[in-house]
Amino acid sequence: MSANSVYRFSNTSILSVVALEAPEVVTSASFDDQLEPTLERLGLRRGMLEQVAGIQERRWWPEGVTYSESAAEAGKAALEAAGISPDRIGLLVDTSVCRARLEPSSAVFVHDALDLPSSCLNFDLSNACLGFVNGMQLAGSMIDSGQIDYALIVDAEGSRLIQERTIARLQDPATEATDIMSDFATLTLGSGAAAMVLGRSDQHPDAHQFIGGVAHAATEHHNLCLGDMERMVTDSRGLLLAGLDVAEAAMKEASQDFDWEDIDHYIIHQVSTVHCDALAQRLGLDKDKIPLTFPTLGNIGPAAIPITLAMHQDKIAKGDRVLVMGMGSGINAMAAEILW
């Protein structure tokens, strides 16, 4: 192998992947309505979220619904879809960016809600929008090594709180055009949950084999997107350009160990029209092979890749090659192959 950032699995498969949509639909037009006085004062046009980002709407969780509750609900659905009882899970990883507290971990609430065994290792894994794929890689390593038989990866994200606070701040008469631009990416976020069960291929020959992948880091770009639950400030253009460079570097590194010329489906992190088009052009991807969820769901952070995979899985035939590709602000990039 070319480097230790390239990894392969011999006995890991995906048994199930599920998506859980937040129920409340929030349109981009409704954001424009709330910001109309600010937009008019600054001479900015309505419709930028739809016209520039391609996001028509996103989802919110109802008030009072916690991230951990949503992650646990997705996890329960994934276990049922896989036909695996909770007592057989050896690893639970919660990869959510959104969290209600610094401690304890979000994973402990999911572990308790699903009645997982005391022997089940459980913790949070955070790496911006790349966390879920990192969780898959960690699970594959533990399954291949024989430490565990089954892993459950969960994620739940919510944009309601940060978007309500962002809109309230942008309604201030002191808001300037630069504030709109730096907070623009925040308004593209969405809410949703996802979960995946992974297990041993030799015990589940009809499951979807997790082949392996590559990771690449360019952490000199760590200041391009900085966020917490109060505010996210983003250099959208700088993040896009740097992200494309990182993705291209990762794919060049992967080409030494993988033949990814004949891929049937590209499940990429969902950000915007600009991002998806630019990534397809830079990497020479067939846009017809890239299913899109961001127009109606927005950017759901690390849940975006598993949600898109789950919603598209009925269109994936047995034997198809699937490439999941993600980037997380920081910047880290990862691509991984699944043989369906």
C-alpha atoms as a PDB file:
ATOM      1  CA  MET A   1       0.000   0.000   0.000  1.00  0.00           C
ATOM      2  CA  SER A   2       1.163   3.549  -0.750  1.00  0.00           C
ATOM      3  CA  ALA A   3       0.666   4.888   2.789  1.00  0.00           C
ATOM      4  CA  ASN A   4      -1.037   4.060   6.065  1.00  0.00           C
ATOM      5  CA  SER A   5      -3.855   6.435   5.064  1.00  0.00           C
ATOM      6  CA  VAL A   6      -4.910   3.759   2.554  1.00  0.00           C
ATOM      7  CA  TYR A   7      -6.846   0.884   4.129  1.00  0.00           C
ATOM      8  CA  ARG A   8      -8.453  -2.365   2.942  1.00  0.00           C
ATOM      9  CA  PHE A   9     -10.857  -4.755   4.604  1.00  0.00           C
ATOM     10  CA  SER A  10     -11.174  -8.485   3.968  1.00  0.00           C
ATOM     11  CA  ASN A  11     -14.116  -9.478   6.156  1.00  0.00           C
ATOM     12  CA  THR A  12     -16.340  -6.421   6.743  1.00  0.00           C
ATOM     13  CA  SER A  13     -19.750  -5.826   5.184  1.00  0.00           C
ATOM     14  CA  ILE A  14     -22.599  -3.373   5.576  1.00  0.00           C
ATOM     15  CA  LEU A  15     -25.745  -5.131   6.704  1.00  0.00           C
ATOM     16  CA  SER A  16     -28.062  -2.125   6.750  1.00  0.00           C
ATOM     17  CA  VAL A  17     -28.158   1.638   6.352  1.00  0.00           C
ATOM     18  CA  VAL A  18     -31.186   3.744   7.230  1.00  0.00           C
ATOM     19  CA  ALA A  19     -32.199   7.398   7.029  1.00  0.00           C
ATOM     20  CA  LEU A  20     -34.515   9.243   9.387  1.00  0.00           C
ATOM     21  CA  GLU A  21     -35.951  12.527   8.109  1.00  0.00           C
ATOM     22  CA  ALA A  22     -36.786  15.319  10.521  1.00  0.00           C
ATOM     23  CA  PRO A  23     -40.500  16.065  10.095  1.00  0.00           C
ATOM     24  CA  GLU A  24     -40.733  19.865   9.868  1.00  0.00           C
ATOM     25  CA  VAL A  25     -40.181  21.336   6.386  1.00  0.00           C
ATOM     26  CA  VAL A  26     -38.556  24.791   6.395  1.00  0.00           C
ATOM     27  CA  THR A  27     -38.260  26.490   3.014  1.00  0.00           C
ATOM     28  CA  SER A  28     -35.509  28.828   1.902  1.00  0.00           C
ATOM     29  CA  ALA A  29     -38.254  31.266   0.909  1.00  0.00           C
ATOM     30  CA  SER A  30     -39.281  31.461   4.579  1.00  0.00           C
ATOM     31  CA  PHE A  31     -35.730  32.488   5.487  1.00  0.00           C
ATOM     32  CA  ASP A  32     -35.901  35.199   2.810  1.00  0.00           C
ATOM     33  CA  ASP A  33     -39.171  36.432   4.297  1.00  0.00           C
ATOM     34  CA  GLN A  34     -37.595  36.791   7.738  1.00  0.00           C
ATOM     35  CA  LEU A  35     -34.498  38.513   6.344  1.00  0.00           C
ATOM     36  CA  GLU A  36     -36.268  40.700   3.775  1.00  0.00           C
ATOM     37  CA  PRO A  37     -35.741  44.026   5.606  1.00  0.00           C
ATOM     38  CA  THR A  38     -32.025  43.274   5.935  1.00  0.00           C
ATOM     39  CA  LEU A  39     -31.712  42.167   2.320  1.00  0.00           C
ATOM     40  CA  GLU A  40     -33.506  45.263   1.045  1.00  0.00           C
ATOM     41  CA  ARG A  41     -31.383  47.594   3.180  1.00  0.00           C
ATOM     42  CA  LEU A  42     -28.167  46.000   1.889  1.00  0.00           C
ATOM     43  CA  GLY A  43     -29.313  45.793  -1.732  1.00  0.00           C
ATOM     44  CA  LEU A  44     -29.133  41.984  -1.761  1.00  0.00           C
ATOM     45  CA  ARG A  45     -31.586  39.879  -3.717  1.00  0.00           C
ATOM     46  CA  ARG A  46     -33.892  37.210  -2.389  1.00  0.00           C
ATOM     47  CA  GLY A  47     -33.454  33.619  -3.477  1.00  0.00           C
ATOM     48  CA  MET A  48     -29.703  33.191  -3.065  1.00  0.00           C
ATOM     49  CA  LEU A  49     -30.121  29.953  -1.134  1.00  0.00           C
ATOM     50  CA  GLU A  50     -32.090  28.452  -4.006  1.00  0.00           C
ATOM     51  CA  GLN A  51     -30.327  30.114  -6.931  1.00  0.00           C
ATOM     52  CA  VAL A  52     -26.738  29.816  -5.694  1.00  0.00           C
ATOM     53  CA  ALA A  53     -26.782  26.821  -3.344  1.00  0.00           C
ATOM     54  CA  GLY A  54     -29.692  24.980  -4.963  1.00  0.00           C
ATOM     55  CA  ILE A  55     -31.368  24.404  -1.591  1.00  0.00           C
ATOM     56  CA  GLN A  56     -35.136  24.772  -1.737  1.00  0.00           C
ATOM     57  CA  GLU A  57     -35.836  23.554   1.777  1.00  0.00           C
ATOM     58  CA  ARG A  58     -34.437  21.698   4.756  1.00  0.00           C
ATOM     59  CA  ARG A  59     -35.878  19.861   7.755  1.00  0.00           C
ATOM     60  CA  TRP A  60     -36.066  20.702  11.460  1.00  0.00           C
ATOM     61  CA  TRP A  61     -36.746  18.464  14.440  1.00  0.00           C
ATOM     62  CA  PRO A  62     -39.703  19.533  16.588  1.00  0.00           C
ATOM     63  CA  GLU A  63     -38.795  21.513  19.685  1.00  0.00           C
ATOM     64  CA  GLY A  64     -37.964  19.205  22.556  1.00  0.00           C
ATOM     65  CA  VAL A  65     -36.652  16.342  20.403  1.00  0.00           C
ATOM     66  CA  THR A  66     -33.036  15.636  21.340  1.00  0.00           C
ATOM     67  CA  TYR A  67     -30.225  14.628  19.008  1.00  0.00           C
ATOM     68  CA  SER A  68     -29.638  11.455  21.022  1.00  0.00           C
ATOM     69  CA  GLU A  69     -33.286  10.452  20.765  1.00  0.00           C
ATOM     70  CA  SER A  70     -33.139  10.791  16.986  1.00  0.00           C
ATOM     71  CA  ALA A  71     -29.834   8.901  16.787  1.00  0.00           C
ATOM     72  CA  ALA A  72     -31.279   6.091  18.899  1.00  0.00           C
ATOM     73  CA  GLU A  73     -34.399   5.913  16.720  1.00  0.00           C
ATOM     74  CA  ALA A  74     -32.239   5.598  13.609  1.00  0.00           C
ATOM     75  CA  GLY A  75     -30.090   2.991  15.347  1.00  0.00           C
ATOM     76  CA  LYS A  76     -33.117   0.920  16.289  1.00  0.00           C
ATOM     77  CA  ALA A  77     -34.323   0.990  12.679  1.00  0.00           C
ATOM     78  CA  ALA A  78     -30.885  -0.080  11.410  1.00  0.00           C
ATOM     79  CA  LEU A  79     -30.767  -3.026  13.834  1.00  0.00           C
ATOM     80  CA  GLU A  80     -34.232  -4.137  12.745  1.00  0.00           C
ATOM     81  CA  ALA A  81     -33.320  -3.823   9.066  1.00  0.00           C
ATOM     82  CA  ALA A  82     -30.159  -5.866   9.622  1.00  0.00           C
ATOM     83  CA  GLY A  83     -31.946  -8.484  11.683  1.00  0.00           C
ATOM     84  CA  ILE A  84     -29.362  -8.172  14.458  1.00  0.00           C
ATOM     85  CA  SER A  85     -30.415  -8.104  18.095  1.00  0.00           C
ATOM     86  CA  PRO A  86     -28.960  -5.343  20.299  1.00  0.00           C
ATOM     87  CA  ASP A  87     -27.101  -7.811  22.538  1.00  0.00           C
ATOM     88  CA  ARG A  88     -24.792  -8.763  19.612  1.00  0.00           C
ATOM     89  CA  ILE A  89     -23.413  -5.257  19.055  1.00  0.00           C
ATOM     90  CA  GLY A  90     -19.798  -4.923  20.158  1.00  0.00           C
ATOM     91  CA  LEU A  91     -19.212  -1.292  19.144  1.00  0.00           C
ATOM     92  CA  LEU A  92     -21.432   1.801  19.120  1.00  0.00           C
ATOM     93  CA  VAL A  93     -20.067   5.027  17.658  1.00  0.00           C
ATOM     94  CA  ASP A  94     -22.033   8.298  17.652  1.00  0.00           C
ATOM     95  CA  THR A  95     -20.500  10.597  15.012  1.00  0.00           C
ATOM     96  CA  SER A  96     -22.846  13.559  15.480  1.00  0.00           C
ATOM     97  CA  VAL A  97     -21.508  17.102  15.298  1.00  0.00           C
ATOM     98  CA  CYS A  98     -24.576  18.412  17.120  1.00  0.00           C
ATOM     99  CA  ARG A  99     -24.624  17.714  20.824  1.00  0.00           C
ATOM    100  CA  ALA A 100     -26.550  19.074  23.772  1.00  0.00           C
ATOM    101  CA  ARG A 101     -23.664  18.829  26.232  1.00  0.00           C
ATOM    102  CA  LEU A 102     -19.909  18.427  26.505  1.00  0.00           C
ATOM    103  CA  GLU A 103     -20.213  15.375  28.739  1.00  0.00           C
ATOM    104  CA  PRO A 104     -21.133  12.638  29.043  1.00  0.00           C
ATOM    105  CA  SER A 105     -20.837  11.368  25.487  1.00  0.00           C
ATOM    106  CA  SER A 106     -23.875  11.278  23.229  1.00  0.00           C
ATOM    107  CA  ALA A 107     -23.167   7.590  22.713  1.00  0.00           C
ATOM    108  CA  VAL A 108     -24.071   6.687  26.300  1.00  0.00           C
ATOM    109  CA  PHE A 109     -27.634   7.939  25.808  1.00  0.00           C
ATOM    110  CA  VAL A 110     -27.997   5.912  22.596  1.00  0.00           C
ATOM    111  CA  HIS A 111     -26.423   2.875  24.281  1.00  0.00           C
ATOM    112  CA  ASP A 112     -28.943   3.071  27.108  1.00  0.00           C
ATOM    113  CA  ALA A 113     -31.933   3.771  24.854  1.00  0.00           C
ATOM    114  CA  LEU A 114     -31.170   0.721  22.690  1.00  0.00           C
ATOM    115  CA  ASP A 115     -30.400  -1.507  25.703  1.00  0.00           C
ATOM    116  CA  LEU A 116     -27.019  -2.463  24.286  1.00  0.00           C
ATOM    117  CA  PRO A 117     -24.892  -4.850  26.385  1.00  0.00           C
ATOM    118  CA  SER A 118     -22.398  -3.641  28.974  1.00  0.00           C
ATOM    119  CA  SER A 119     -19.664  -5.268  26.873  1.00  0.00           C
ATOM    120  CA  CYS A 120     -20.437  -2.914  23.952  1.00  0.00           C
ATOM    121  CA  LEU A 121     -17.675  -0.338  23.577  1.00  0.00           C
ATOM    122  CA  ASN A 122     -19.357   3.057  23.066  1.00  0.00           C
ATOM    123  CA  PHE A 123     -18.067   6.573  22.444  1.00  0.00           C
ATOM    124  CA  ASP A 124     -18.378   9.667  20.261  1.00  0.00           C
ATOM    125  CA  LEU A 125     -16.205  10.247  17.208  1.00  0.00           C
ATOM    126  CA  SER A 126     -16.107  13.796  15.841  1.00  0.00           C
ATOM    127  CA  ASN A 127     -14.503  14.956  12.605  1.00  0.00           C
ATOM    128  CA  ALA A 128     -16.895  17.575  11.181  1.00  0.00           C
ATOM    129  CA  CYS A 129     -18.778  16.277   8.128  1.00  0.00           C
ATOM    130  CA  LEU A 130     -16.462  13.276   7.767  1.00  0.00           C
ATOM    131  CA  GLY A 131     -17.246  11.640  11.099  1.00  0.00           C
ATOM    132  CA  PHE A 132     -19.611   8.921   9.872  1.00  0.00           C
ATOM    133  CA  VAL A 133     -17.150   7.610   7.281  1.00  0.00           C
ATOM    134  CA  ASN A 134     -14.418   7.650   9.936  1.00  0.00           C
ATOM    135  CA  GLY A 135     -16.763   5.604  12.115  1.00  0.00           C
ATOM    136  CA  MET A 136     -17.199   3.089   9.300  1.00  0.00           C
ATOM    137  CA  GLN A 137     -13.434   2.783   8.930  1.00  0.00           C
ATOM    138  CA  LEU A 138     -12.927   2.226  12.671  1.00  0.00           C
ATOM    139  CA  ALA A 139     -15.705  -0.377  12.753  1.00  0.00           C
ATOM    140  CA  GLY A 140     -14.191  -2.192   9.778  1.00  0.00           C
ATOM    141  CA  SER A 141     -10.800  -2.313  11.468  1.00  0.00           C
ATOM    142  CA  MET A 142     -12.260  -3.823  14.637  1.00  0.00           C
ATOM    143  CA  ILE A 143     -14.376  -6.350  12.734  1.00  0.00           C
ATOM    144  CA  ASP A 144     -11.491  -7.430  10.507  1.00  0.00           C
ATOM    145  CA  SER A 145      -9.203  -7.823  13.516  1.00  0.00           C
ATOM    146  CA  GLY A 146     -11.731 -10.100  15.233  1.00  0.00           C
ATOM    147  CA  GLN A 147     -12.339  -7.793  18.203  1.00  0.00           C
ATOM    148  CA  ILE A 148     -16.067  -7.524  17.487  1.00  0.00           C
ATOM    149  CA  ASP A 149     -18.693  -9.202  15.310  1.00  0.00           C
ATOM    150  CA  TYR A 150     -21.034  -6.233  14.807  1.00  0.00           C
ATOM    151  CA  ALA A 151     -20.856  -2.446  14.954  1.00  0.00           C
ATOM    152  CA  LEU A 152     -23.540   0.223  14.985  1.00  0.00           C
ATOM    153  CA  ILE A 153     -22.734   3.723  13.707  1.00  0.00           C
ATOM    154  CA  VAL A 154     -25.297   6.476  14.408  1.00  0.00           C
ATOM    155  CA  ASP A 155     -25.576  10.178  13.682  1.00  0.00           C
ATOM    156  CA  ALA A 156     -28.202  12.856  14.309  1.00  0.00           C
ATOM    157  CA  GLU A 157     -27.912  16.498  13.303  1.00  0.00           C
ATOM    158  CA  GLY A 158     -30.204  19.452  13.867  1.00  0.00           C
ATOM    159  CA  SER A 159     -30.072  22.911  12.319  1.00  0.00           C
ATOM    160  CA  ARG A 160     -33.039  24.518  14.053  1.00  0.00           C
ATOM    161  CA  LEU A 161     -31.203  26.154  16.944  1.00  0.00           C
ATOM    162  CA  ILE A 162     -28.261  27.591  15.024  1.00  0.00           C
ATOM    163  CA  GLN A 163     -30.460  28.807  12.160  1.00  0.00           C
ATOM    164  CA  GLU A 164     -32.950  30.518  14.465  1.00  0.00           C
ATOM    165  CA  ARG A 165     -30.071  32.285  16.223  1.00  0.00           C
ATOM    166  CA  THR A 166     -28.400  33.195  12.928  1.00  0.00           C
ATOM    167  CA  ILE A 167     -31.574  34.701  11.477  1.00  0.00           C
ATOM    168  CA  ALA A 168     -32.191  36.685  14.663  1.00  0.00           C
ATOM    169  CA  ARG A 169     -28.635  38.059  14.510  1.00  0.00           C
ATOM    170  CA  LEU A 170     -28.896  38.937  10.799  1.00  0.00           C
ATOM    171  CA  GLN A 171     -32.138  40.837  11.452  1.00  0.00           C
ATOM    172  CA  ASP A 172     -30.152  43.357  13.497  1.00  0.00           C
ATOM    173  CA  PRO A 173     -30.026  46.804  11.805  1.00  0.00           C
ATOM    174  CA  ALA A 174     -26.242  46.771  12.235  1.00  0.00           C
ATOM    175  CA  THR A 175     -25.853  43.717   9.987  1.00  0.00           C
ATOM    176  CA  GLU A 176     -23.572  44.238   7.000  1.00  0.00           C
ATOM    177  CA  ALA A 177     -23.280  42.374   3.702  1.00  0.00           C
ATOM    178  CA  THR A 178     -20.135  40.623   4.935  1.00  0.00           C
ATOM    179  CA  ASP A 179     -22.138  39.166   7.814  1.00  0.00           C
ATOM    180  CA  ILE A 180     -24.632  37.685   5.355  1.00  0.00           C
ATOM    181  CA  MET A 181     -21.824  36.102   3.350  1.00  0.00           C
ATOM    182  CA  SER A 182     -19.962  34.654   6.355  1.00  0.00           C
ATOM    183  CA  ASP A 183     -23.195  33.187   7.774  1.00  0.00           C
ATOM    184  CA  PHE A 184     -24.566  32.019   4.409  1.00  0.00           C
ATOM    185  CA  ALA A 185     -23.375  28.421   4.839  1.00  0.00           C
ATOM    186  CA  THR A 186     -25.209  28.186   8.160  1.00  0.00           C
ATOM    187  CA  LEU A 187     -28.517  28.710   6.373  1.00  0.00           C
ATOM    188  CA  THR A 188     -27.789  25.762   4.050  1.00  0.00           C
ATOM    189  CA  LEU A 189     -27.742  23.272   6.937  1.00  0.00           C
ATOM    190  CA  GLY A 190     -30.422  20.666   7.511  1.00  0.00           C
ATOM    191  CA  SER A 191     -31.585  18.122  10.075  1.00  0.00           C
ATOM    192  CA  GLY A 192     -31.767  14.355   9.954  1.00  0.00           C
ATOM    193  CA  ALA A 193     -30.445  11.110  11.383  1.00  0.00           C
ATOM    194  CA  ALA A 194     -28.830   7.976   9.993  1.00  0.00           C
ATOM    195  CA  ALA A 195     -27.491   4.650  11.206  1.00  0.00           C
ATOM    196  CA  MET A 196     -25.556   1.690   9.816  1.00  0.00           C
ATOM    197  CA  VAL A 197     -24.888  -1.847  11.000  1.00  0.00           C
ATOM    198  CA  LEU A 198     -21.645  -3.521   9.926  1.00  0.00           C
ATOM    199  CA  GLY A 199     -20.687  -7.144  10.446  1.00  0.00           C
ATOM    200  CA  ARG A 200     -18.508 -10.019   9.278  1.00  0.00           C
ATOM    201  CA  SER A 201     -18.685 -10.857   5.577  1.00  0.00           C
ATOM    202  CA  ASP A 202     -18.120 -14.580   6.208  1.00  0.00           C
ATOM    203  CA  GLN A 203     -21.274 -14.623   8.327  1.00  0.00           C
ATOM    204  CA  HIS A 204     -23.288 -12.461   5.892  1.00  0.00           C
ATOM    205  CA  PRO A 205     -22.235 -13.344   2.322  1.00  0.00           C
ATOM    206  CA  ASP A 206     -25.194 -11.480   0.812  1.00  0.00           C
ATOM    207  CA  ALA A 207     -24.380  -8.177   2.571  1.00  0.00           C
ATOM    208  CA  HIS A 208     -22.565  -5.240   0.977  1.00  0.00           C
ATOM    209  CA  GLN A 209     -18.807  -5.687   1.198  1.00  0.00           C
ATOM    210  CA  PHE A 210     -16.798  -2.757   2.547  1.00  0.00           C
ATOM    211  CA  ILE A 211     -13.693  -2.863   0.351  1.00  0.00           C
ATOM    212  CA  GLY A 212     -11.611  -0.019   1.789  1.00  0.00           C
ATOM    213  CA  GLY A 213     -10.532   3.494   0.973  1.00  0.00           C
ATOM    214  CA  VAL A 214      -8.164   6.385   1.489  1.00  0.00           C
ATOM    215  CA  ALA A 215      -7.911   9.440   3.739  1.00  0.00           C
ATOM    216  CA  HIS A 216      -6.031  12.673   3.149  1.00  0.00           C
ATOM    217  CA  ALA A 217      -5.437  15.664   5.428  1.00  0.00           C
ATOM    218  CA  ALA A 218      -4.704  19.333   4.732  1.00  0.00           C
ATOM    219  CA  THR A 219      -5.061  20.845   8.182  1.00  0.00           C
ATOM    220  CA  GLU A 220      -3.444  24.131   7.197  1.00  0.00           C
ATOM    221  CA  HIS A 221      -7.005  25.069   6.193  1.00  0.00           C
ATOM    222  CA  HIS A 222      -8.453  24.668   9.702  1.00  0.00           C
ATOM    223  CA  ASN A 223      -9.634  28.302   9.937  1.00  0.00           C
ATOM    224  CA  LEU A 224     -11.937  28.304   6.885  1.00  0.00           C
ATOM    225  CA  CYS A 225     -15.002  27.095   8.785  1.00  0.00           C
ATOM    226  CA  LEU A 226     -15.386  27.644  12.522  1.00  0.00           C
ATOM    227  CA  GLY A 227     -18.595  26.799  14.296  1.00  0.00           C
ATOM    228  CA  ASP A 228     -20.393  25.938  17.492  1.00  0.00           C
ATOM    229  CA  MET A 229     -24.076  25.690  18.384  1.00  0.00           C
ATOM    230  CA  GLU A 230     -24.326  29.492  18.473  1.00  0.00           C
ATOM    231  CA  ARG A 231     -22.747  30.397  15.130  1.00  0.00           C
ATOM    232  CA  MET A 232     -20.829  29.015  12.172  1.00  0.00           C
ATOM    233  CA  VAL A 233     -18.570  31.408  10.246  1.00  0.00           C
ATOM    234  CA  THR A 234     -17.443  30.119   6.856  1.00  0.00           C
ATOM    235  CA  ASP A 235     -15.212  31.291   4.044  1.00  0.00           C
ATOM    236  CA  SER A 236     -17.369  29.422   1.540  1.00  0.00           C
ATOM    237  CA  ARG A 237     -15.229  30.056  -1.525  1.00  0.00           C
ATOM    238  CA  GLY A 238     -11.961  29.370   0.286  1.00  0.00           C
ATOM    239  CA  LEU A 239     -13.374  26.156   1.746  1.00  0.00           C
ATOM    240  CA  LEU A 240     -14.610  25.013  -1.661  1.00  0.00           C
ATOM    241  CA  LEU A 241     -11.304  25.633  -3.441  1.00  0.00           C
ATOM    242  CA  ALA A 242      -9.195  24.042  -0.714  1.00  0.00           C
ATOM    243  CA  GLY A 243     -11.603  21.120  -0.454  1.00  0.00           C
ATOM    244  CA  LEU A 244     -11.342  20.404  -4.168  1.00  0.00           C
ATOM    245  CA  ASP A 245      -7.548  20.323  -3.896  1.00  0.00           C
ATOM    246  CA  VAL A 246      -7.725  17.903  -0.946  1.00  0.00           C
ATOM    247  CA  ALA A 247     -10.222  15.645  -2.734  1.00  0.00           C
ATOM    248  CA  GLU A 248      -8.070  15.533  -5.848  1.00  0.00           C
ATOM    249  CA  ALA A 249      -4.980  14.694  -3.793  1.00  0.00           C
ATOM    250  CA  ALA A 250      -6.853  11.880  -2.016  1.00  0.00           C
ATOM    251  CA  MET A 251      -8.016  10.376  -5.302  1.00  0.00           C
ATOM    252  CA  LYS A 252      -4.513  10.517  -6.766  1.00  0.00           C
ATOM    253  CA  GLU A 253      -3.184   8.716  -3.700  1.00  0.00           C
ATOM    254  CA  ALA A 254      -5.952   6.115  -3.939  1.00  0.00           C
ATOM    255  CA  SER A 255      -5.154   5.415  -7.597  1.00  0.00           C
ATOM    256  CA  GLN A 256      -1.966   3.630  -6.493  1.00  0.00           C
ATOM    257  CA  ASP A 257      -4.029   0.981  -4.672  1.00  0.00           C
ATOM    258  CA  PHE A 258      -7.553   1.065  -6.138  1.00  0.00           C
ATOM    259  CA  ASP A 259      -9.006   1.018  -9.636  1.00  0.00           C
ATOM    260  CA  TRP A 260     -11.915   3.433  -9.325  1.00  0.00           C
ATOM    261  CA  GLU A 261     -12.384   4.104 -13.019  1.00  0.00           C
ATOM    262  CA  ASP A 262     -15.574   2.033 -13.310  1.00  0.00           C
ATOM    263  CA  ILE A 263     -17.791   3.182 -10.440  1.00  0.00           C
ATOM    264  CA  ASP A 264     -21.577   2.830 -10.701  1.00  0.00           C
ATOM    265  CA  HIS A 265     -22.693   5.254  -7.962  1.00  0.00           C
ATOM    266  CA  TYR A 266     -20.962   8.190  -6.271  1.00  0.00           C
ATOM    267  CA  ILE A 267     -22.386   9.000  -2.833  1.00  0.00           C
ATOM    268  CA  ILE A 268     -20.801  12.344  -2.058  1.00  0.00           C
ATOM    269  CA  HIS A 269     -21.184  14.725   0.856  1.00  0.00           C
ATOM    270  CA  GLN A 270     -24.145  16.997   0.133  1.00  0.00           C
ATOM    271  CA  VAL A 271     -23.381  20.721   0.344  1.00  0.00           C
ATOM    272  CA  SER A 272     -24.744  22.686  -2.617  1.00  0.00           C
ATOM    273  CA  THR A 273     -25.085  22.812  -6.387  1.00  0.00           C
ATOM    274  CA  VAL A 274     -21.810  24.705  -6.651  1.00  0.00           C
ATOM    275  CA  HIS A 275     -19.950  22.146  -4.546  1.00  0.00           C
ATOM    276  CA  CYS A 276     -21.327  19.056  -6.301  1.00  0.00           C
ATOM    277  CA  ASP A 277     -20.779  20.483  -9.795  1.00  0.00           C
ATOM    278  CA  ALA A 278     -17.240  21.609  -8.978  1.00  0.00           C
ATOM    279  CA  LEU A 279     -16.308  18.252  -7.436  1.00  0.00           C
ATOM    280  CA  ALA A 280     -17.676  16.338 -10.417  1.00  0.00           C
ATOM    281  CA  GLN A 281     -15.746  18.556 -12.824  1.00  0.00           C
ATOM    282  CA  ARG A 282     -12.462  18.439 -10.888  1.00  0.00           C
ATOM    283  CA  LEU A 283     -12.518  14.640 -10.463  1.00  0.00           C
ATOM    284  CA  GLY A 284     -14.138  13.819 -13.795  1.00  0.00           C
ATOM    285  CA  LEU A 285     -17.202  12.178 -12.222  1.00  0.00           C
ATOM    286  CA  ASP A 286     -20.357  11.381 -14.200  1.00  0.00           C
ATOM    287  CA  LYS A 287     -23.008  13.663 -12.664  1.00  0.00           C
ATOM    288  CA  ASP A 288     -25.719  11.196 -13.652  1.00  0.00           C
ATOM    289  CA  LYS A 289     -24.193   8.771 -11.141  1.00  0.00           C
ATOM    290  CA  ILE A 290     -24.395  11.267  -8.255  1.00  0.00           C
ATOM    291  CA  PRO A 291     -27.751  11.187  -6.394  1.00  0.00           C
ATOM    292  CA  LEU A 292     -28.635  14.496  -4.735  1.00  0.00           C
ATOM    293  CA  THR A 293     -30.438  15.055  -1.454  1.00  0.00           C
ATOM    294  CA  PHE A 294     -29.344  18.602  -0.585  1.00  0.00           C
ATOM    295  CA  PRO A 295     -32.083  20.378  -2.627  1.00  0.00           C
ATOM    296  CA  THR A 296     -34.754  19.269  -0.134  1.00  0.00           C
ATOM    297  CA  LEU A 297     -32.695  18.256   2.911  1.00  0.00           C
ATOM    298  CA  GLY A 298     -29.824  20.754   2.939  1.00  0.00           C
ATOM    299  CA  ASN A 299     -26.364  19.932   4.259  1.00  0.00           C
ATOM    300  CA  ILE A 300     -26.878  17.475   7.120  1.00  0.00           C
ATOM    301  CA  GLY A 301     -23.215  17.283   8.086  1.00  0.00           C
ATOM    302  CA  PRO A 302     -21.835  13.776   8.699  1.00  0.00           C
ATOM    303  CA  ALA A 303     -25.331  12.303   8.324  1.00  0.00           C
ATOM    304  CA  ALA A 304     -25.475  13.443   4.675  1.00  0.00           C
ATOM    305  CA  ILE A 305     -23.510  10.525   3.191  1.00  0.00           C
ATOM    306  CA  PRO A 306     -25.396   7.696   4.984  1.00  0.00           C
ATOM    307  CA  ILE A 307     -28.739   9.446   4.428  1.00  0.00           C
ATOM    308  CA  THR A 308     -28.036   9.789   0.700  1.00  0.00           C
ATOM    309  CA  LEU A 309     -26.843   6.167   0.524  1.00  0.00           C
ATOM    310  CA  ALA A 310     -29.944   4.954   2.368  1.00  0.00           C
ATOM    311  CA  MET A 311     -32.329   6.928   0.156  1.00  0.00           C
ATOM    312  CA  HIS A 312     -30.577   5.757  -3.014  1.00  0.00           C
ATOM    313  CA  GLN A 313     -30.038   2.103  -2.097  1.00  0.00           C
ATOM    314  CA  ASP A 314     -33.139   0.832  -3.915  1.00  0.00           C
ATOM    315  CA  LYS A 315     -31.486   1.975  -7.157  1.00  0.00           C
ATOM    316  CA  ILE A 316     -28.244   0.098  -6.471  1.00  0.00           C
ATOM    317  CA  ALA A 317     -28.059  -3.372  -8.028  1.00  0.00           C
ATOM    318  CA  LYS A 318     -26.224  -6.326  -6.526  1.00  0.00           C
ATOM    319  CA  GLY A 319     -22.629  -6.212  -7.734  1.00  0.00           C
ATOM    320  CA  ASP A 320     -22.618  -2.448  -8.310  1.00  0.00           C
ATOM    321  CA  ARG A 321     -19.584  -0.517  -7.124  1.00  0.00           C
ATOM    322  CA  VAL A 322     -20.356   2.409  -4.820  1.00  0.00           C
ATOM    323  CA  LEU A 323     -17.866   5.108  -3.878  1.00  0.00           C
ATOM    324  CA  VAL A 324     -18.642   7.259  -0.842  1.00  0.00           C
ATOM    325  CA  MET A 325     -16.710  10.528  -0.826  1.00  0.00           C
ATOM    326  CA  GLY A 326     -16.633  13.144   1.877  1.00  0.00           C
ATOM    327  CA  MET A 327     -14.820  16.197   3.139  1.00  0.00           C
ATOM    328  CA  GLY A 328     -14.832  17.698   6.599  1.00  0.00           C
ATOM    329  CA  SER A 329     -13.838  21.233   7.457  1.00  0.00           C
ATOM    330  CA  GLY A 330     -10.371  21.200   8.866  1.00  0.00           C
ATOM    331  CA  ILE A 331      -9.751  19.940   6.087  1.00  0.00           C
ATOM    332  CA  ASN A 332      -9.905  16.144   5.857  1.00  0.00           C
ATOM    333  CA  ALA A 333     -11.086  14.085   2.896  1.00  0.00           C
ATOM    334  CA  MET A 334     -11.950  10.424   2.531  1.00  0.00           C
ATOM    335  CA  ALA A 335     -13.207   8.086  -0.192  1.00  0.00           C
ATOM    336  CA  ALA A 336     -14.233   4.458   0.350  1.00  0.00           C
ATOM    337  CA  GLU A 337     -15.585   1.680  -1.865  1.00  0.00           C
ATOM    338  CA  ILE A 338     -18.545  -0.576  -1.191  1.00  0.00           C
ATOM    339  CA  LEU A 339     -19.312  -3.618  -3.383  1.00  0.00           C
ATOM    340  CA  TRP A 340     -23.069  -3.858  -3.301  1.00  0.00           C
END
